[in-house]
Amino acid sequence: MPSLLDRWRLPGSAAADLDDPATTIARKALIRRKRFLCQLYRSFYREMAARLQGLPDGPIIELGAGAGFLKEILPTVYSSDLFVVPGLDVVLSAQRLPFQDGSVGGLLMLNVFHHLPQPVRFLREAERCLIKGGRVVMIEPYNTPFARWVYQRFHHECFDPQAGWEHGGQGPLSGANGALPWILFARDVQEYQRQFPRLPLRTVHLHTPFAYPLSGGLSFRSFLPGNCFDAVRRLERWLSPLRRHLAMFATICLERT
């Protein structure tokens, strides 16, 4: 007999081929339909936009933009992804960026970094193509006690805080380790800083303990209606002193020196 959680699962989500561009197109429509989740994405986009203050002149590139709508918040951003889906400006790989040295003002990523099978290759590319003062701004899953409990029990992606810097993922979206940002920028931060002295870690801001699971994400129906979103965000702000124990996401900022 299916569990209560299985009954709440969105039809077809368990069998979806994550590496099929059609799945990304379907997820973009799903985010729009789920009002609570759509508001969460908007809040993430505003969080990233706030980290661009004082950026040098240069194009801002969003990596892994296929299912999102950042252009509504930042109309001048160039949207990119690994494969062709409607609404993109360019198709590219984050591990082989087609930009000249010192030509890019910023690289934005929402839930992309933890999918990179060789993150060092991306970081070298970012270090190469960013203008001095340019930034990488990413919002990623993070390893706190509550987040680890949720991700390891209810999320379809691997979450292994004991792993190394690479994962042998099956495909560009099906392969992942949700703990990868924490591994590089917390557990192994001294080694990261040694390898990337020209792309130092500037800030790590922990946030969002409850809004994502309550939204149901991309696999489950929303557990709350959209008009509850603001109340949940107020609760999260009230609990912010406990973010090192509860936060499920982090905004991570790297800056080219």
C-alpha atoms as a PDB file:
ATOM      1  CA  MET A   1       0.000   0.000   0.000  1.00  0.00           C
ATOM      2  CA  PRO A   2       1.423   3.457  -0.918  1.00  0.00           C
ATOM      3  CA  SER A   3       2.528   5.625   1.981  1.00  0.00           C
ATOM      4  CA  LEU A   4       0.867   8.968   2.681  1.00  0.00           C
ATOM      5  CA  LEU A   5       3.909  10.722   1.192  1.00  0.00           C
ATOM      6  CA  ASP A   6       3.699   8.618  -1.981  1.00  0.00           C
ATOM      7  CA  ARG A   7       0.054   9.601  -2.346  1.00  0.00           C
ATOM      8  CA  TRP A   8       1.143  13.257  -2.214  1.00  0.00           C
ATOM      9  CA  ARG A   9       3.687  12.755  -5.015  1.00  0.00           C
ATOM     10  CA  LEU A  10       3.000  14.479  -8.307  1.00  0.00           C
ATOM     11  CA  PRO A  11       1.964  12.022 -11.044  1.00  0.00           C
ATOM     12  CA  GLY A  12       4.886  11.008 -13.239  1.00  0.00           C
ATOM     13  CA  SER A  13       7.549  12.709 -11.131  1.00  0.00           C
ATOM     14  CA  ALA A  14       9.155   9.467  -9.950  1.00  0.00           C
ATOM     15  CA  ALA A  15       9.607   8.196 -13.499  1.00  0.00           C
ATOM     16  CA  ALA A  16      10.711  11.475 -15.111  1.00  0.00           C
ATOM     17  CA  ASP A  17      13.946  11.396 -17.119  1.00  0.00           C
ATOM     18  CA  LEU A  18      15.807  14.322 -15.556  1.00  0.00           C
ATOM     19  CA  ASP A  19      18.259  14.546 -18.462  1.00  0.00           C
ATOM     20  CA  ASP A  20      15.514  14.918 -21.074  1.00  0.00           C
ATOM     21  CA  PRO A  21      14.999  18.601 -22.079  1.00  0.00           C
ATOM     22  CA  ALA A  22      11.253  17.901 -22.059  1.00  0.00           C
ATOM     23  CA  THR A  23      11.464  17.387 -18.289  1.00  0.00           C
ATOM     24  CA  THR A  24      13.037  20.836 -17.854  1.00  0.00           C
ATOM     25  CA  ILE A  25      10.268  22.382 -19.984  1.00  0.00           C
ATOM     26  CA  ALA A  26       7.623  20.582 -17.915  1.00  0.00           C
ATOM     27  CA  ARG A  27       9.260  21.718 -14.669  1.00  0.00           C
ATOM     28  CA  LYS A  28       9.219  25.340 -15.804  1.00  0.00           C
ATOM     29  CA  ALA A  29       5.460  25.085 -16.284  1.00  0.00           C
ATOM     30  CA  LEU A  30       5.102  23.287 -12.938  1.00  0.00           C
ATOM     31  CA  ILE A  31       6.910  26.066 -11.048  1.00  0.00           C
ATOM     32  CA  ARG A  32       4.480  28.556 -12.547  1.00  0.00           C
ATOM     33  CA  ARG A  33       1.445  26.497 -11.526  1.00  0.00           C
ATOM     34  CA  LYS A  34       2.558  25.958  -7.933  1.00  0.00           C
ATOM     35  CA  ARG A  35       2.057  29.405  -6.423  1.00  0.00           C
ATOM     36  CA  PHE A  36       3.960  28.695  -3.197  1.00  0.00           C
ATOM     37  CA  LEU A  37       6.953  27.302  -5.128  1.00  0.00           C
ATOM     38  CA  CYS A  38       6.858  30.156  -7.647  1.00  0.00           C
ATOM     39  CA  GLN A  39       7.063  32.699  -4.826  1.00  0.00           C
ATOM     40  CA  LEU A  40      10.011  30.813  -3.375  1.00  0.00           C
ATOM     41  CA  TYR A  41      11.838  31.020  -6.704  1.00  0.00           C
ATOM     42  CA  ARG A  42      11.148  34.757  -6.846  1.00  0.00           C
ATOM     43  CA  SER A  43      12.606  35.189  -3.370  1.00  0.00           C
ATOM     44  CA  PHE A  44      15.718  33.263  -4.427  1.00  0.00           C
ATOM     45  CA  TYR A  45      16.109  35.477  -7.490  1.00  0.00           C
ATOM     46  CA  ARG A  46      15.795  38.625  -5.409  1.00  0.00           C
ATOM     47  CA  GLU A  47      18.404  37.230  -3.011  1.00  0.00           C
ATOM     48  CA  MET A  48      20.837  36.677  -5.884  1.00  0.00           C
ATOM     49  CA  ALA A  49      20.134  40.086  -7.399  1.00  0.00           C
ATOM     50  CA  ALA A  50      20.932  41.764  -4.075  1.00  0.00           C
ATOM     51  CA  ARG A  51      24.441  40.240  -4.216  1.00  0.00           C
ATOM     52  CA  LEU A  52      25.218  42.022  -7.493  1.00  0.00           C
ATOM     53  CA  GLN A  53      25.486  45.503  -5.998  1.00  0.00           C
ATOM     54  CA  GLY A  54      28.727  47.211  -7.012  1.00  0.00           C
ATOM     55  CA  LEU A  55      29.537  44.693  -9.733  1.00  0.00           C
ATOM     56  CA  PRO A  56      31.908  45.877 -12.521  1.00  0.00           C
ATOM     57  CA  ASP A  57      30.500  46.442 -15.995  1.00  0.00           C
ATOM     58  CA  GLY A  58      30.210  43.206 -17.915  1.00  0.00           C
ATOM     59  CA  PRO A  59      27.582  40.670 -18.914  1.00  0.00           C
ATOM     60  CA  ILE A  60      25.777  38.726 -16.203  1.00  0.00           C
ATOM     61  CA  ILE A  61      25.286  35.068 -17.145  1.00  0.00           C
ATOM     62  CA  GLU A  62      22.811  32.701 -15.516  1.00  0.00           C
ATOM     63  CA  LEU A  63      23.914  29.078 -15.728  1.00  0.00           C
ATOM     64  CA  GLY A  64      21.307  26.317 -15.679  1.00  0.00           C
ATOM     65  CA  ALA A  65      18.461  28.712 -16.439  1.00  0.00           C
ATOM     66  CA  GLY A  66      16.216  26.325 -18.344  1.00  0.00           C
ATOM     67  CA  ALA A  67      13.391  25.869 -15.833  1.00  0.00           C
ATOM     68  CA  GLY A  68      13.543  29.327 -14.287  1.00  0.00           C
ATOM     69  CA  PHE A  69      12.483  32.910 -14.907  1.00  0.00           C
ATOM     70  CA  LEU A  70      15.284  35.100 -13.547  1.00  0.00           C
ATOM     71  CA  LYS A  71      14.885  37.465 -16.517  1.00  0.00           C
ATOM     72  CA  GLU A  72      11.686  38.758 -14.923  1.00  0.00           C
ATOM     73  CA  ILE A  73      13.775  40.007 -11.989  1.00  0.00           C
ATOM     74  CA  LEU A  74      16.960  40.867 -13.941  1.00  0.00           C
ATOM     75  CA  PRO A  75      15.946  41.607 -17.545  1.00  0.00           C
ATOM     76  CA  THR A  76      19.548  42.140 -18.708  1.00  0.00           C
ATOM     77  CA  VAL A  77      20.800  38.715 -17.606  1.00  0.00           C
ATOM     78  CA  TYR A  78      21.869  36.251 -20.295  1.00  0.00           C
ATOM     79  CA  SER A  79      20.189  32.894 -19.696  1.00  0.00           C
ATOM     80  CA  SER A  80      21.999  29.671 -20.540  1.00  0.00           C
ATOM     81  CA  ASP A  81      21.729  25.930 -20.108  1.00  0.00           C
ATOM     82  CA  LEU A  82      23.302  22.716 -21.349  1.00  0.00           C
ATOM     83  CA  PHE A  83      20.567  21.959 -23.871  1.00  0.00           C
ATOM     84  CA  VAL A  84      18.060  23.835 -25.972  1.00  0.00           C
ATOM     85  CA  VAL A  85      14.834  24.817 -24.233  1.00  0.00           C
ATOM     86  CA  PRO A  86      12.587  27.809 -24.988  1.00  0.00           C
ATOM     87  CA  GLY A  87      13.657  31.198 -23.672  1.00  0.00           C
ATOM     88  CA  LEU A  88      17.427  30.696 -23.538  1.00  0.00           C
ATOM     89  CA  ASP A  89      19.951  33.150 -24.941  1.00  0.00           C
ATOM     90  CA  VAL A  90      22.778  30.635 -25.297  1.00  0.00           C
ATOM     91  CA  VAL A  91      23.536  26.934 -24.880  1.00  0.00           C
ATOM     92  CA  LEU A  92      26.809  26.192 -23.076  1.00  0.00           C
ATOM     93  CA  SER A  93      28.570  24.050 -20.498  1.00  0.00           C
ATOM     94  CA  ALA A  94      29.514  25.595 -17.154  1.00  0.00           C
ATOM     95  CA  GLN A  95      32.746  23.613 -17.346  1.00  0.00           C
ATOM     96  CA  ARG A  96      33.766  25.117 -20.739  1.00  0.00           C
ATOM     97  CA  LEU A  97      32.610  28.725 -20.719  1.00  0.00           C
ATOM     98  CA  PRO A  98      32.847  30.368 -24.176  1.00  0.00           C
ATOM     99  CA  PHE A  99      33.932  33.785 -22.879  1.00  0.00           C
ATOM    100  CA  GLN A 100      37.177  35.707 -23.191  1.00  0.00           C
ATOM    101  CA  ASP A 101      39.460  36.140 -20.206  1.00  0.00           C
ATOM    102  CA  GLY A 102      38.314  38.904 -17.856  1.00  0.00           C
ATOM    103  CA  SER A 103      35.135  39.648 -19.799  1.00  0.00           C
ATOM    104  CA  VAL A 104      32.215  38.573 -17.552  1.00  0.00           C
ATOM    105  CA  GLY A 105      30.742  40.607 -14.699  1.00  0.00           C
ATOM    106  CA  GLY A 106      28.890  37.841 -12.891  1.00  0.00           C
ATOM    107  CA  LEU A 107      27.831  34.189 -12.977  1.00  0.00           C
ATOM    108  CA  LEU A 108      24.546  33.255 -11.310  1.00  0.00           C
ATOM    109  CA  MET A 109      23.480  29.720 -10.391  1.00  0.00           C
ATOM    110  CA  LEU A 110      20.359  28.400  -8.685  1.00  0.00           C
ATOM    111  CA  ASN A 111      20.660  24.719  -7.719  1.00  0.00           C
ATOM    112  CA  VAL A 112      23.310  24.137 -10.400  1.00  0.00           C
ATOM    113  CA  PHE A 113      26.697  23.808  -8.677  1.00  0.00           C
ATOM    114  CA  HIS A 114      25.848  20.546  -6.910  1.00  0.00           C
ATOM    115  CA  HIS A 115      25.142  18.943 -10.300  1.00  0.00           C
ATOM    116  CA  LEU A 116      28.632  19.664 -11.691  1.00  0.00           C
ATOM    117  CA  PRO A 117      30.572  16.389 -11.904  1.00  0.00           C
ATOM    118  CA  GLN A 118      33.906  18.301 -11.920  1.00  0.00           C
ATOM    119  CA  PRO A 119      33.337  21.559 -10.020  1.00  0.00           C
ATOM    120  CA  VAL A 120      37.035  22.467 -10.123  1.00  0.00           C
ATOM    121  CA  ARG A 121      36.777  22.836 -13.918  1.00  0.00           C
ATOM    122  CA  PHE A 122      33.933  25.315 -13.511  1.00  0.00           C
ATOM    123  CA  LEU A 123      35.775  27.251 -10.819  1.00  0.00           C
ATOM    124  CA  ARG A 124      38.866  27.520 -13.031  1.00  0.00           C
ATOM    125  CA  GLU A 125      36.675  28.808 -15.844  1.00  0.00           C
ATOM    126  CA  ALA A 126      34.994  31.312 -13.542  1.00  0.00           C
ATOM    127  CA  GLU A 127      38.382  32.479 -12.277  1.00  0.00           C
ATOM    128  CA  ARG A 128      39.527  32.930 -15.873  1.00  0.00           C
ATOM    129  CA  CYS A 129      36.574  34.749 -17.412  1.00  0.00           C
ATOM    130  CA  LEU A 130      35.433  37.036 -14.565  1.00  0.00           C
ATOM    131  CA  ILE A 131      36.471  40.673 -14.510  1.00  0.00           C
ATOM    132  CA  LYS A 132      38.352  41.742 -11.389  1.00  0.00           C
ATOM    133  CA  GLY A 133      35.598  42.341  -8.841  1.00  0.00           C
ATOM    134  CA  GLY A 134      33.207  40.031 -10.712  1.00  0.00           C
ATOM    135  CA  ARG A 135      31.299  37.459  -8.720  1.00  0.00           C
ATOM    136  CA  VAL A 136      29.890  33.987  -8.721  1.00  0.00           C
ATOM    137  CA  VAL A 137      26.594  34.011  -6.815  1.00  0.00           C
ATOM    138  CA  MET A 138      24.934  30.669  -6.200  1.00  0.00           C
ATOM    139  CA  ILE A 139      22.037  29.414  -4.097  1.00  0.00           C
ATOM    140  CA  GLU A 140      22.564  25.781  -3.214  1.00  0.00           C
ATOM    141  CA  PRO A 141      21.479  23.065  -0.787  1.00  0.00           C
ATOM    142  CA  TYR A 142      23.490  23.137   2.438  1.00  0.00           C
ATOM    143  CA  ASN A 143      24.465  20.657   5.090  1.00  0.00           C
ATOM    144  CA  THR A 144      22.855  21.449   8.435  1.00  0.00           C
ATOM    145  CA  PRO A 145      21.408  18.790  10.771  1.00  0.00           C
ATOM    146  CA  PHE A 146      17.811  19.477   9.699  1.00  0.00           C
ATOM    147  CA  ALA A 147      18.664  19.815   6.005  1.00  0.00           C
ATOM    148  CA  ARG A 148      20.652  16.573   6.017  1.00  0.00           C
ATOM    149  CA  TRP A 149      17.740  14.737   7.632  1.00  0.00           C
ATOM    150  CA  VAL A 150      15.319  16.030   4.976  1.00  0.00           C
ATOM    151  CA  TYR A 151      17.551  15.616   1.924  1.00  0.00           C
ATOM    152  CA  GLN A 152      18.667  12.102   2.797  1.00  0.00           C
ATOM    153  CA  ARG A 153      15.125  10.837   3.432  1.00  0.00           C
ATOM    154  CA  PHE A 154      12.794  12.725   1.115  1.00  0.00           C
ATOM    155  CA  HIS A 155      14.827  14.098  -1.794  1.00  0.00           C
ATOM    156  CA  HIS A 156      15.578  12.184  -4.984  1.00  0.00           C
ATOM    157  CA  GLU A 157      19.174  13.437  -5.276  1.00  0.00           C
ATOM    158  CA  CYS A 158      22.241  12.053  -3.516  1.00  0.00           C
ATOM    159  CA  PHE A 159      23.314  13.985  -0.405  1.00  0.00           C
ATOM    160  CA  ASP A 160      26.661  12.671   0.824  1.00  0.00           C
ATOM    161  CA  PRO A 161      28.694  14.960   3.128  1.00  0.00           C
ATOM    162  CA  GLN A 162      31.518  12.378   3.243  1.00  0.00           C
ATOM    163  CA  ALA A 163      32.160  12.469  -0.504  1.00  0.00           C
ATOM    164  CA  GLY A 164      34.997  14.086  -2.409  1.00  0.00           C
ATOM    165  CA  TRP A 165      34.862  17.075  -4.721  1.00  0.00           C
ATOM    166  CA  GLU A 166      33.605  15.124  -7.746  1.00  0.00           C
ATOM    167  CA  HIS A 167      30.719  12.788  -8.335  1.00  0.00           C
ATOM    168  CA  GLY A 168      30.316  10.242 -11.084  1.00  0.00           C
ATOM    169  CA  GLY A 169      26.810  11.355 -11.952  1.00  0.00           C
ATOM    170  CA  GLN A 170      24.889   9.614 -14.689  1.00  0.00           C
ATOM    171  CA  GLY A 171      23.803  12.739 -16.587  1.00  0.00           C
ATOM    172  CA  PRO A 172      23.833  16.549 -16.403  1.00  0.00           C
ATOM    173  CA  LEU A 173      20.770  16.702 -14.143  1.00  0.00           C
ATOM    174  CA  SER A 174      20.396  13.167 -12.806  1.00  0.00           C
ATOM    175  CA  GLY A 175      23.944  13.258 -11.453  1.00  0.00           C
ATOM    176  CA  ALA A 176      24.333  15.292  -8.262  1.00  0.00           C
ATOM    177  CA  ASN A 177      25.558  15.514  -4.699  1.00  0.00           C
ATOM    178  CA  GLY A 178      23.524  18.051  -2.749  1.00  0.00           C
ATOM    179  CA  ALA A 179      26.255  18.298  -0.113  1.00  0.00           C
ATOM    180  CA  LEU A 180      28.880  19.429  -2.650  1.00  0.00           C
ATOM    181  CA  PRO A 181      28.630  23.197  -1.891  1.00  0.00           C
ATOM    182  CA  TRP A 182      29.105  22.534   1.821  1.00  0.00           C
ATOM    183  CA  ILE A 183      32.021  20.190   1.075  1.00  0.00           C
ATOM    184  CA  LEU A 184      33.965  22.817  -0.886  1.00  0.00           C
ATOM    185  CA  PHE A 185      32.985  25.984   0.955  1.00  0.00           C
ATOM    186  CA  ALA A 186      32.783  24.749   4.558  1.00  0.00           C
ATOM    187  CA  ARG A 187      34.317  21.320   5.184  1.00  0.00           C
ATOM    188  CA  ASP A 188      37.266  21.852   2.808  1.00  0.00           C
ATOM    189  CA  VAL A 189      37.263  25.647   2.659  1.00  0.00           C
ATOM    190  CA  GLN A 190      40.974  25.961   3.499  1.00  0.00           C
ATOM    191  CA  GLU A 191      41.873  23.695   0.585  1.00  0.00           C
ATOM    192  CA  TYR A 192      39.487  25.642  -1.643  1.00  0.00           C
ATOM    193  CA  GLN A 193      41.138  28.929  -0.690  1.00  0.00           C
ATOM    194  CA  ARG A 194      44.565  27.406  -1.341  1.00  0.00           C
ATOM    195  CA  GLN A 195      43.589  26.281  -4.834  1.00  0.00           C
ATOM    196  CA  PHE A 196      41.654  29.416  -5.765  1.00  0.00           C
ATOM    197  CA  PRO A 197      43.389  32.429  -4.203  1.00  0.00           C
ATOM    198  CA  ARG A 198      42.075  34.677  -7.009  1.00  0.00           C
ATOM    199  CA  LEU A 199      38.462  33.571  -6.441  1.00  0.00           C
ATOM    200  CA  PRO A 200      38.081  33.755  -2.655  1.00  0.00           C
ATOM    201  CA  LEU A 201      34.948  32.894  -0.754  1.00  0.00           C
ATOM    202  CA  ARG A 202      33.363  36.181   0.341  1.00  0.00           C
ATOM    203  CA  THR A 203      30.106  35.244   2.051  1.00  0.00           C
ATOM    204  CA  VAL A 204      27.949  32.248   2.927  1.00  0.00           C
ATOM    205  CA  HIS A 205      24.438  33.177   4.004  1.00  0.00           C
ATOM    206  CA  LEU A 206      22.297  30.331   5.391  1.00  0.00           C
ATOM    207  CA  HIS A 207      18.524  30.524   4.939  1.00  0.00           C
ATOM    208  CA  THR A 208      15.223  28.827   4.062  1.00  0.00           C
ATOM    209  CA  PRO A 209      14.656  25.976   6.531  1.00  0.00           C
ATOM    210  CA  PHE A 210      10.993  25.266   5.807  1.00  0.00           C
ATOM    211  CA  ALA A 211       9.705  26.963   2.650  1.00  0.00           C
ATOM    212  CA  TYR A 212      11.155  24.452   0.202  1.00  0.00           C
ATOM    213  CA  PRO A 213       9.822  21.238   1.780  1.00  0.00           C
ATOM    214  CA  LEU A 214       6.457  22.919   2.402  1.00  0.00           C
ATOM    215  CA  SER A 215       6.311  23.883  -1.273  1.00  0.00           C
ATOM    216  CA  GLY A 216       6.532  20.212  -2.224  1.00  0.00           C
ATOM    217  CA  GLY A 217       9.395  21.071  -4.561  1.00  0.00           C
ATOM    218  CA  LEU A 218       9.244  19.527  -8.019  1.00  0.00           C
ATOM    219  CA  SER A 219       8.131  16.070  -6.894  1.00  0.00           C
ATOM    220  CA  PHE A 220       5.210  16.611  -4.496  1.00  0.00           C
ATOM    221  CA  ARG A 221       2.052  18.639  -4.285  1.00  0.00           C
ATOM    222  CA  SER A 222       2.386  21.777  -2.204  1.00  0.00           C
ATOM    223  CA  PHE A 223       1.697  21.208   1.481  1.00  0.00           C
ATOM    224  CA  LEU A 224       0.456  24.794   1.904  1.00  0.00           C
ATOM    225  CA  PRO A 225      -1.445  27.205  -0.353  1.00  0.00           C
ATOM    226  CA  GLY A 226       0.352  30.142  -1.891  1.00  0.00           C
ATOM    227  CA  ASN A 227      -1.212  32.678   0.444  1.00  0.00           C
ATOM    228  CA  CYS A 228       0.732  31.095   3.348  1.00  0.00           C
ATOM    229  CA  PHE A 229       4.123  31.898   1.819  1.00  0.00           C
ATOM    230  CA  ASP A 230       4.655  35.248   3.549  1.00  0.00           C
ATOM    231  CA  ALA A 231       3.746  33.768   6.943  1.00  0.00           C
ATOM    232  CA  VAL A 232       6.276  30.961   6.463  1.00  0.00           C
ATOM    233  CA  ARG A 233       8.955  33.492   5.526  1.00  0.00           C
ATOM    234  CA  ARG A 234       8.213  35.514   8.656  1.00  0.00           C
ATOM    235  CA  LEU A 235       8.588  32.360  10.751  1.00  0.00           C
ATOM    236  CA  GLU A 236      11.904  31.607   9.076  1.00  0.00           C
ATOM    237  CA  ARG A 237      13.207  35.098   9.801  1.00  0.00           C
ATOM    238  CA  TRP A 238      12.136  34.742  13.439  1.00  0.00           C
ATOM    239  CA  LEU A 239      14.093  31.476  13.621  1.00  0.00           C
ATOM    240  CA  SER A 240      17.168  32.867  11.852  1.00  0.00           C
ATOM    241  CA  PRO A 241      19.357  32.567  15.012  1.00  0.00           C
ATOM    242  CA  LEU A 242      19.008  28.789  14.531  1.00  0.00           C
ATOM    243  CA  ARG A 243      19.963  28.815  10.852  1.00  0.00           C
ATOM    244  CA  ARG A 244      23.157  26.790  11.430  1.00  0.00           C
ATOM    245  CA  HIS A 245      20.938  23.962  12.621  1.00  0.00           C
ATOM    246  CA  LEU A 246      17.892  24.405  10.373  1.00  0.00           C
ATOM    247  CA  ALA A 247      18.777  26.113   7.072  1.00  0.00           C
ATOM    248  CA  MET A 248      18.339  24.023   3.933  1.00  0.00           C
ATOM    249  CA  PHE A 249      19.980  26.486   1.527  1.00  0.00           C
ATOM    250  CA  ALA A 250      22.911  28.874   1.382  1.00  0.00           C
ATOM    251  CA  THR A 251      23.699  31.851  -0.813  1.00  0.00           C
ATOM    252  CA  ILE A 252      27.406  31.557  -1.602  1.00  0.00           C
ATOM    253  CA  CYS A 253      29.374  34.450  -3.091  1.00  0.00           C
ATOM    254  CA  LEU A 254      32.846  34.177  -4.637  1.00  0.00           C
ATOM    255  CA  GLU A 255      34.627  37.312  -5.877  1.00  0.00           C
ATOM    256  CA  ARG A 256      37.440  37.595  -8.423  1.00  0.00           C
ATOM    257  CA  THR A 257      40.452  39.492  -7.095  1.00  0.00           C
END
